[in-house]
Amino acid sequence: LNATRAAIEEGIVPGGGVALLRAAKVLPNLKVANEDQKQGVRIIQRAIREPITTIVRNAGIDASSVIEKVLDNKALDFGYDAMNDKFVNLIDAGIVDPTKVIRQALQDAAGVASLLATTECVVTEEVGEKKAVNPLRAGLE
């Protein structure tokens, strides 16, 4: 219901990470004032390719070949339908994202990145095997 409301408010874009992938093409043309901003643009370029890369990899397909085929096609709504393993017009296939959701995700990610850039430390969980915890002793060990 929220996605429908968001789509009504700001419209839709091709889904499956394609809108973000195509947005990455304009980033090299951005005028930046310093090296930090230049680095920020490079980070965004890599980050906004991740949705389509993850979707395609999860489908067991080589992401680089799919990305290349999508970018080579001039139709803005051309993309990969991972569920049916074929290239389609994403709008016609109903594979869409509300523009508001994509915009908000980018704004939120930029806010977090800015916070991390100005913070002198970050606390994260250690990556590795998690031990089974007795629910009766949770928090005591």
N, C-alpha and C. Protein backbone atom coordinates (compact mmCIF):
# COMPACT_ATOMS: atom_id res chain seq x y z
N LEU A 1 0.82 -1.19 0.00
CA LEU A 1 0.00 0.00 0.00
C LEU A 1 0.87 1.26 0.00
N ASN A 2 1.94 1.26 0.80
CA ASN A 2 2.84 2.42 0.82
C ASN A 2 3.53 2.61 -0.52
N ALA A 3 3.92 1.50 -1.17
CA ALA A 3 4.57 1.60 -2.48
C ALA A 3 3.61 2.20 -3.50
N THR A 4 2.36 1.81 -3.45
CA THR A 4 1.36 2.35 -4.37
C THR A 4 1.18 3.84 -4.13
N ARG A 5 1.11 4.23 -2.87
CA ARG A 5 0.97 5.64 -2.53
C ARG A 5 2.19 6.43 -3.02
N ALA A 6 3.37 5.87 -2.83
CA ALA A 6 4.59 6.54 -3.28
C ALA A 6 4.62 6.67 -4.80
N ALA A 7 4.14 5.64 -5.51
CA ALA A 7 4.11 5.68 -6.97
C ALA A 7 3.14 6.75 -7.46
N ILE A 8 2.03 6.89 -6.79
CA ILE A 8 1.06 7.92 -7.16
C ILE A 8 1.65 9.31 -6.94
N GLU A 9 2.39 9.48 -5.85
CA GLU A 9 2.96 10.79 -5.52
C GLU A 9 4.04 11.24 -6.49
N GLU A 10 4.97 10.32 -6.84
CA GLU A 10 6.13 10.74 -7.64
C GLU A 10 6.37 9.92 -8.90
N GLY A 11 5.50 8.98 -9.19
CA GLY A 11 5.65 8.19 -10.40
C GLY A 11 6.49 6.94 -10.18
N ILE A 12 6.82 6.28 -11.28
CA ILE A 12 7.59 5.03 -11.24
C ILE A 12 8.78 5.11 -12.18
N VAL A 13 9.73 4.24 -11.93
CA VAL A 13 10.89 4.07 -12.80
C VAL A 13 11.05 2.58 -13.07
N PRO A 14 11.77 2.21 -14.13
CA PRO A 14 12.04 0.79 -14.36
C PRO A 14 12.71 0.19 -13.13
N GLY A 15 12.28 -1.00 -12.74
CA GLY A 15 12.80 -1.64 -11.54
C GLY A 15 14.01 -2.52 -11.81
N GLY A 16 14.26 -3.41 -10.90
CA GLY A 16 15.37 -4.34 -11.05
C GLY A 16 16.73 -3.69 -11.01
N GLY A 17 16.82 -2.48 -10.47
CA GLY A 17 18.10 -1.79 -10.39
C GLY A 17 18.49 -1.04 -11.66
N VAL A 18 17.64 -1.11 -12.69
CA VAL A 18 17.97 -0.50 -13.97
C VAL A 18 17.97 1.03 -13.90
N ALA A 19 17.02 1.62 -13.21
CA ALA A 19 16.98 3.09 -13.11
C ALA A 19 18.26 3.62 -12.46
N LEU A 20 18.71 2.95 -11.41
CA LEU A 20 19.95 3.37 -10.76
C LEU A 20 21.15 3.16 -11.67
N LEU A 21 21.19 2.04 -12.35
CA LEU A 21 22.29 1.74 -13.27
C LEU A 21 22.40 2.83 -14.33
N ARG A 22 21.27 3.22 -14.89
CA ARG A 22 21.28 4.26 -15.92
C ARG A 22 21.64 5.63 -15.34
N ALA A 23 21.25 5.86 -14.10
CA ALA A 23 21.60 7.13 -13.44
C ALA A 23 23.10 7.27 -13.28
N ALA A 24 23.79 6.16 -13.14
CA ALA A 24 25.24 6.18 -12.95
C ALA A 24 25.96 6.80 -14.15
N LYS A 25 25.33 6.77 -15.32
CA LYS A 25 25.97 7.29 -16.52
C LYS A 25 26.20 8.80 -16.47
N VAL A 26 25.40 9.53 -15.70
CA VAL A 26 25.55 10.99 -15.66
C VAL A 26 26.58 11.43 -14.62
N LEU A 27 26.95 10.54 -13.73
CA LEU A 27 27.86 10.93 -12.64
C LEU A 27 29.24 11.40 -13.10
N PRO A 28 29.84 10.80 -14.13
CA PRO A 28 31.16 11.29 -14.55
C PRO A 28 31.15 12.75 -15.03
N ASN A 29 29.98 13.25 -15.41
CA ASN A 29 29.88 14.63 -15.91
C ASN A 29 29.65 15.65 -14.81
N LEU A 30 29.50 15.20 -13.57
CA LEU A 30 29.28 16.13 -12.46
C LEU A 30 30.53 16.98 -12.22
N LYS A 31 30.30 18.24 -11.98
CA LYS A 31 31.41 19.15 -11.63
C LYS A 31 31.64 19.03 -10.13
N VAL A 32 32.84 18.70 -9.75
CA VAL A 32 33.17 18.57 -8.33
C VAL A 32 34.22 19.60 -7.95
N ALA A 33 34.19 20.02 -6.70
CA ALA A 33 35.07 21.09 -6.24
C ALA A 33 36.41 20.59 -5.73
N ASN A 34 36.45 19.33 -5.29
CA ASN A 34 37.70 18.85 -4.69
C ASN A 34 37.81 17.33 -4.80
N GLU A 35 38.91 16.82 -4.32
CA GLU A 35 39.19 15.38 -4.41
C GLU A 35 38.21 14.56 -3.57
N ASP A 36 37.79 15.09 -2.43
CA ASP A 36 36.82 14.38 -1.60
C ASP A 36 35.50 14.17 -2.34
N GLN A 37 35.04 15.20 -3.02
CA GLN A 37 33.81 15.08 -3.79
C GLN A 37 33.98 14.10 -4.95
N LYS A 38 35.13 14.14 -5.57
CA LYS A 38 35.43 13.22 -6.66
C LYS A 38 35.37 11.77 -6.16
N GLN A 39 35.96 11.53 -5.00
CA GLN A 39 35.92 10.20 -4.38
C GLN A 39 34.48 9.81 -4.04
N GLY A 40 33.70 10.77 -3.57
CA GLY A 40 32.30 10.51 -3.25
C GLY A 40 31.51 10.09 -4.47
N VAL A 41 31.76 10.74 -5.60
CA VAL A 41 31.08 10.37 -6.85
C VAL A 41 31.46 8.95 -7.26
N ARG A 42 32.74 8.59 -7.12
CA ARG A 42 33.17 7.22 -7.46
C ARG A 42 32.48 6.19 -6.57
N ILE A 43 32.34 6.51 -5.31
CA ILE A 43 31.66 5.60 -4.38
C ILE A 43 30.20 5.42 -4.78
N ILE A 44 29.54 6.51 -5.12
CA ILE A 44 28.14 6.43 -5.54
C ILE A 44 28.02 5.62 -6.82
N GLN A 45 28.94 5.82 -7.77
CA GLN A 45 28.91 5.06 -9.02
C GLN A 45 28.94 3.56 -8.75
N ARG A 46 29.80 3.14 -7.84
CA ARG A 46 29.89 1.71 -7.51
C ARG A 46 28.65 1.25 -6.76
N ALA A 47 28.20 2.05 -5.82
CA ALA A 47 27.09 1.64 -4.96
C ALA A 47 25.78 1.48 -5.72
N ILE A 48 25.51 2.36 -6.67
CA ILE A 48 24.21 2.26 -7.34
C ILE A 48 24.17 1.17 -8.40
N ARG A 49 25.28 0.50 -8.63
CA ARG A 49 25.28 -0.69 -9.50
C ARG A 49 24.93 -1.95 -8.71
N GLU A 50 25.01 -1.85 -7.39
CA GLU A 50 24.81 -3.04 -6.55
C GLU A 50 23.42 -3.67 -6.63
N PRO A 51 22.33 -2.89 -6.69
CA PRO A 51 21.03 -3.56 -6.76
C PRO A 51 20.90 -4.51 -7.95
N ILE A 52 21.23 -4.05 -9.16
CA ILE A 52 21.11 -4.95 -10.31
C ILE A 52 22.13 -6.08 -10.22
N THR A 53 23.32 -5.79 -9.74
CA THR A 53 24.34 -6.83 -9.59
C THR A 53 23.87 -7.92 -8.65
N THR A 54 23.31 -7.54 -7.52
CA THR A 54 22.83 -8.51 -6.54
C THR A 54 21.67 -9.33 -7.08
N ILE A 55 20.72 -8.68 -7.73
CA ILE A 55 19.57 -9.39 -8.30
C ILE A 55 20.03 -10.43 -9.30
N VAL A 56 20.92 -10.03 -10.20
CA VAL A 56 21.39 -10.94 -11.25
C VAL A 56 22.22 -12.09 -10.66
N ARG A 57 23.11 -11.78 -9.74
CA ARG A 57 23.91 -12.84 -9.10
C ARG A 57 23.02 -13.82 -8.35
N ASN A 58 22.00 -13.32 -7.67
CA ASN A 58 21.09 -14.20 -6.95
C ASN A 58 20.32 -15.12 -7.89
N ALA A 59 20.20 -14.72 -9.14
CA ALA A 59 19.56 -15.56 -10.15
C ALA A 59 20.55 -16.54 -10.77
N GLY A 60 21.82 -16.46 -10.34
CA GLY A 60 22.83 -17.38 -10.84
C GLY A 60 23.39 -17.01 -12.20
N ILE A 61 23.28 -15.75 -12.56
CA ILE A 61 23.72 -15.27 -13.87
C ILE A 61 24.92 -14.34 -13.68
N ASP A 62 25.77 -14.26 -14.72
CA ASP A 62 26.92 -13.36 -14.69
C ASP A 62 26.44 -11.91 -14.78
N ALA A 63 26.68 -11.16 -13.73
CA ALA A 63 26.17 -9.79 -13.65
C ALA A 63 26.78 -8.87 -14.70
N SER A 64 28.07 -9.01 -14.98
CA SER A 64 28.71 -8.08 -15.90
C SER A 64 28.12 -8.17 -17.31
N SER A 65 27.77 -9.37 -17.75
CA SER A 65 27.20 -9.51 -19.10
C SER A 65 25.80 -8.91 -19.17
N VAL A 66 25.02 -9.06 -18.09
CA VAL A 66 23.67 -8.48 -18.06
C VAL A 66 23.76 -6.96 -18.03
N ILE A 67 24.63 -6.42 -17.20
CA ILE A 67 24.80 -4.97 -17.11
C ILE A 67 25.24 -4.40 -18.45
N GLU A 68 26.17 -5.06 -19.10
CA GLU A 68 26.63 -4.60 -20.41
C GLU A 68 25.49 -4.58 -21.42
N LYS A 69 24.68 -5.64 -21.43
CA LYS A 69 23.57 -5.72 -22.39
C LYS A 69 22.53 -4.63 -22.10
N VAL A 70 22.25 -4.38 -20.84
CA VAL A 70 21.29 -3.34 -20.47
C VAL A 70 21.81 -1.97 -20.91
N LEU A 71 23.06 -1.68 -20.62
CA LEU A 71 23.62 -0.37 -20.97
C LEU A 71 23.77 -0.17 -22.47
N ASP A 72 23.99 -1.26 -23.21
CA ASP A 72 24.11 -1.16 -24.66
C ASP A 72 22.78 -0.84 -25.34
N ASN A 73 21.68 -1.18 -24.68
CA ASN A 73 20.36 -0.94 -25.24
C ASN A 73 19.95 0.50 -24.92
N LYS A 74 19.48 1.22 -25.91
CA LYS A 74 19.14 2.63 -25.73
C LYS A 74 17.78 2.84 -25.06
N ALA A 75 16.91 1.83 -25.07
CA ALA A 75 15.59 1.95 -24.45
C ALA A 75 15.76 2.03 -22.93
N LEU A 76 15.27 3.10 -22.33
CA LEU A 76 15.46 3.32 -20.90
C LEU A 76 14.75 2.30 -20.03
N ASP A 77 13.71 1.65 -20.57
CA ASP A 77 12.96 0.68 -19.78
C ASP A 77 13.35 -0.76 -20.09
N PHE A 78 14.44 -0.95 -20.81
CA PHE A 78 14.94 -2.29 -21.13
C PHE A 78 15.74 -2.81 -19.95
N GLY A 79 15.47 -4.05 -19.57
CA GLY A 79 16.21 -4.62 -18.45
C GLY A 79 16.05 -6.11 -18.36
N TYR A 80 16.57 -6.67 -17.29
CA TYR A 80 16.60 -8.12 -17.10
C TYR A 80 15.52 -8.55 -16.11
N ASP A 81 14.69 -9.50 -16.54
CA ASP A 81 13.67 -10.11 -15.69
C ASP A 81 14.29 -11.37 -15.10
N ALA A 82 14.78 -11.29 -13.88
CA ALA A 82 15.49 -12.40 -13.25
C ALA A 82 14.57 -13.60 -13.00
N MET A 83 13.32 -13.34 -12.70
CA MET A 83 12.40 -14.44 -12.40
C MET A 83 12.17 -15.33 -13.63
N ASN A 84 12.11 -14.70 -14.80
CA ASN A 84 11.86 -15.45 -16.04
C ASN A 84 13.10 -15.60 -16.91
N ASP A 85 14.25 -15.13 -16.42
CA ASP A 85 15.53 -15.24 -17.12
C ASP A 85 15.46 -14.74 -18.56
N LYS A 86 15.00 -13.50 -18.71
CA LYS A 86 14.96 -12.91 -20.05
C LYS A 86 15.00 -11.40 -19.97
N PHE A 87 15.36 -10.78 -21.07
CA PHE A 87 15.40 -9.33 -21.17
C PHE A 87 14.04 -8.85 -21.67
N VAL A 88 13.52 -7.81 -21.03
CA VAL A 88 12.17 -7.35 -21.34
C VAL A 88 12.08 -5.83 -21.21
N ASN A 89 10.93 -5.30 -21.64
CA ASN A 89 10.56 -3.94 -21.31
C ASN A 89 10.04 -4.02 -19.88
N LEU A 90 10.78 -3.46 -18.94
CA LEU A 90 10.45 -3.61 -17.52
C LEU A 90 9.11 -2.99 -17.16
N ILE A 91 8.79 -1.87 -17.75
CA ILE A 91 7.51 -1.21 -17.46
C ILE A 91 6.37 -2.12 -17.90
N ASP A 92 6.45 -2.63 -19.14
CA ASP A 92 5.40 -3.53 -19.64
C ASP A 92 5.29 -4.80 -18.81
N ALA A 93 6.43 -5.27 -18.29
CA ALA A 93 6.44 -6.50 -17.48
C ALA A 93 6.01 -6.24 -16.04
N GLY A 94 5.80 -4.98 -15.68
CA GLY A 94 5.38 -4.66 -14.32
C GLY A 94 6.52 -4.67 -13.31
N ILE A 95 7.75 -4.63 -13.81
CA ILE A 95 8.92 -4.60 -12.92
C ILE A 95 9.31 -3.13 -12.75
N VAL A 96 8.74 -2.52 -11.72
CA VAL A 96 8.90 -1.09 -11.51
C VAL A 96 9.20 -0.80 -10.04
N ASP A 97 9.76 0.37 -9.82
CA ASP A 97 9.99 0.88 -8.47
C ASP A 97 9.37 2.27 -8.38
N PRO A 98 8.77 2.60 -7.25
CA PRO A 98 8.29 3.98 -7.09
C PRO A 98 9.49 4.94 -7.04
N THR A 99 9.41 6.00 -7.80
CA THR A 99 10.48 6.99 -7.83
C THR A 99 10.80 7.51 -6.43
N LYS A 100 9.77 7.73 -5.64
CA LYS A 100 9.97 8.25 -4.29
C LYS A 100 10.82 7.31 -3.45
N VAL A 101 10.61 6.01 -3.59
CA VAL A 101 11.36 5.02 -2.81
C VAL A 101 12.84 5.06 -3.21
N ILE A 102 13.11 5.12 -4.50
CA ILE A 102 14.50 5.17 -4.99
C ILE A 102 15.17 6.46 -4.52
N ARG A 103 14.47 7.58 -4.68
CA ARG A 103 15.02 8.87 -4.25
C ARG A 103 15.32 8.87 -2.75
N GLN A 104 14.38 8.37 -1.97
CA GLN A 104 14.56 8.37 -0.52
C GLN A 104 15.71 7.45 -0.11
N ALA A 105 15.84 6.31 -0.79
CA ALA A 105 16.95 5.40 -0.49
C ALA A 105 18.29 6.07 -0.76
N LEU A 106 18.39 6.80 -1.86
CA LEU A 106 19.63 7.51 -2.18
C LEU A 106 19.92 8.61 -1.15
N GLN A 107 18.90 9.34 -0.77
CA GLN A 107 19.09 10.40 0.23
C GLN A 107 19.52 9.82 1.57
N ASP A 108 18.88 8.73 1.98
CA ASP A 108 19.23 8.10 3.25
C ASP A 108 20.65 7.55 3.22
N ALA A 109 21.02 6.93 2.09
CA ALA A 109 22.38 6.39 1.96
C ALA A 109 23.41 7.51 2.00
N ALA A 110 23.10 8.62 1.35
CA ALA A 110 24.02 9.76 1.38
C ALA A 110 24.17 10.31 2.79
N GLY A 111 23.08 10.33 3.53
CA GLY A 111 23.14 10.81 4.91
C GLY A 111 24.00 9.92 5.79
N VAL A 112 23.84 8.61 5.63
CA VAL A 112 24.65 7.67 6.41
C VAL A 112 26.12 7.79 6.01
N ALA A 113 26.38 7.87 4.71
CA ALA A 113 27.76 8.00 4.25
C ALA A 113 28.40 9.27 4.78
N SER A 114 27.65 10.35 4.79
CA SER A 114 28.16 11.61 5.32
C SER A 114 28.47 11.49 6.80
N LEU A 115 27.60 10.83 7.52
CA LEU A 115 27.81 10.63 8.96
C LEU A 115 29.06 9.79 9.20
N LEU A 116 29.22 8.72 8.42
CA LEU A 116 30.40 7.87 8.57
C LEU A 116 31.68 8.62 8.23
N ALA A 117 31.60 9.50 7.24
CA ALA A 117 32.78 10.25 6.82
C ALA A 117 33.24 11.24 7.88
N THR A 118 32.32 11.71 8.71
CA THR A 118 32.68 12.69 9.72
C THR A 118 32.85 12.09 11.11
N THR A 119 32.61 10.80 11.23
CA THR A 119 32.75 10.12 12.52
C THR A 119 34.14 9.50 12.59
N GLU A 120 34.73 9.52 13.75
CA GLU A 120 36.08 8.99 13.90
C GLU A 120 36.12 7.51 14.17
N CYS A 121 34.96 6.90 14.42
CA CYS A 121 34.94 5.45 14.62
C CYS A 121 33.57 4.92 14.26
N VAL A 122 33.51 3.62 13.99
CA VAL A 122 32.26 2.95 13.67
C VAL A 122 32.23 1.64 14.43
N VAL A 123 31.09 1.31 15.00
CA VAL A 123 30.92 0.04 15.71
C VAL A 123 30.09 -0.87 14.82
N THR A 124 30.63 -2.05 14.52
CA THR A 124 29.92 -3.02 13.69
C THR A 124 29.96 -4.38 14.35
N GLU A 125 29.16 -5.30 13.82
CA GLU A 125 29.22 -6.67 14.30
C GLU A 125 30.38 -7.37 13.64
N GLU A 126 31.01 -8.27 14.37
CA GLU A 126 32.11 -9.05 13.82
C GLU A 126 31.54 -10.08 12.86
N VAL A 127 32.16 -10.19 11.70
CA VAL A 127 31.72 -11.16 10.71
C VAL A 127 32.31 -12.51 11.07
N GLY A 128 31.50 -13.52 11.02
CA GLY A 128 31.98 -14.86 11.34
C GLY A 128 30.84 -15.75 11.77
N GLU A 129 31.19 -16.92 12.24
CA GLU A 129 30.17 -17.86 12.68
C GLU A 129 29.51 -17.36 13.95
N LYS A 130 28.21 -17.52 13.99
CA LYS A 130 27.48 -17.16 15.19
C LYS A 130 27.21 -18.42 15.99
N LYS A 131 27.47 -18.35 17.27
CA LYS A 131 27.24 -19.49 18.14
C LYS A 131 25.76 -19.57 18.49
N ALA A 132 25.28 -20.79 18.64
CA ALA A 132 23.91 -20.97 19.10
C ALA A 132 23.83 -20.50 20.54
N VAL A 133 22.82 -19.75 20.85
CA VAL A 133 22.66 -19.21 22.20
C VAL A 133 21.43 -19.83 22.83
N ASN A 134 21.58 -20.29 24.05
CA ASN A 134 20.45 -20.80 24.81
C ASN A 134 19.56 -19.60 25.11
N PRO A 135 18.30 -19.61 24.65
CA PRO A 135 17.44 -18.44 24.85
C PRO A 135 17.25 -18.08 26.32
N LEU A 136 17.42 -19.05 27.21
CA LEU A 136 17.28 -18.77 28.64
C LEU A 136 18.49 -18.04 29.20
N ARG A 137 19.62 -18.11 28.48
CA ARG A 137 20.85 -17.47 28.95
C ARG A 137 21.23 -16.27 28.09
N ALA A 138 20.39 -15.88 27.16
CA ALA A 138 20.70 -14.77 26.26
C ALA A 138 21.03 -13.52 27.06
N GLY A 139 22.13 -12.90 26.72
CA GLY A 139 22.56 -11.68 27.38
C GLY A 139 23.36 -11.91 28.64
N LEU A 140 23.45 -13.17 29.09
CA LEU A 140 24.19 -13.47 30.32
C LEU A 140 25.60 -13.93 30.04
N GLU A 141 25.87 -14.30 28.82
CA GLU A 141 27.19 -14.85 28.49
C GLU A 141 28.06 -13.81 27.84
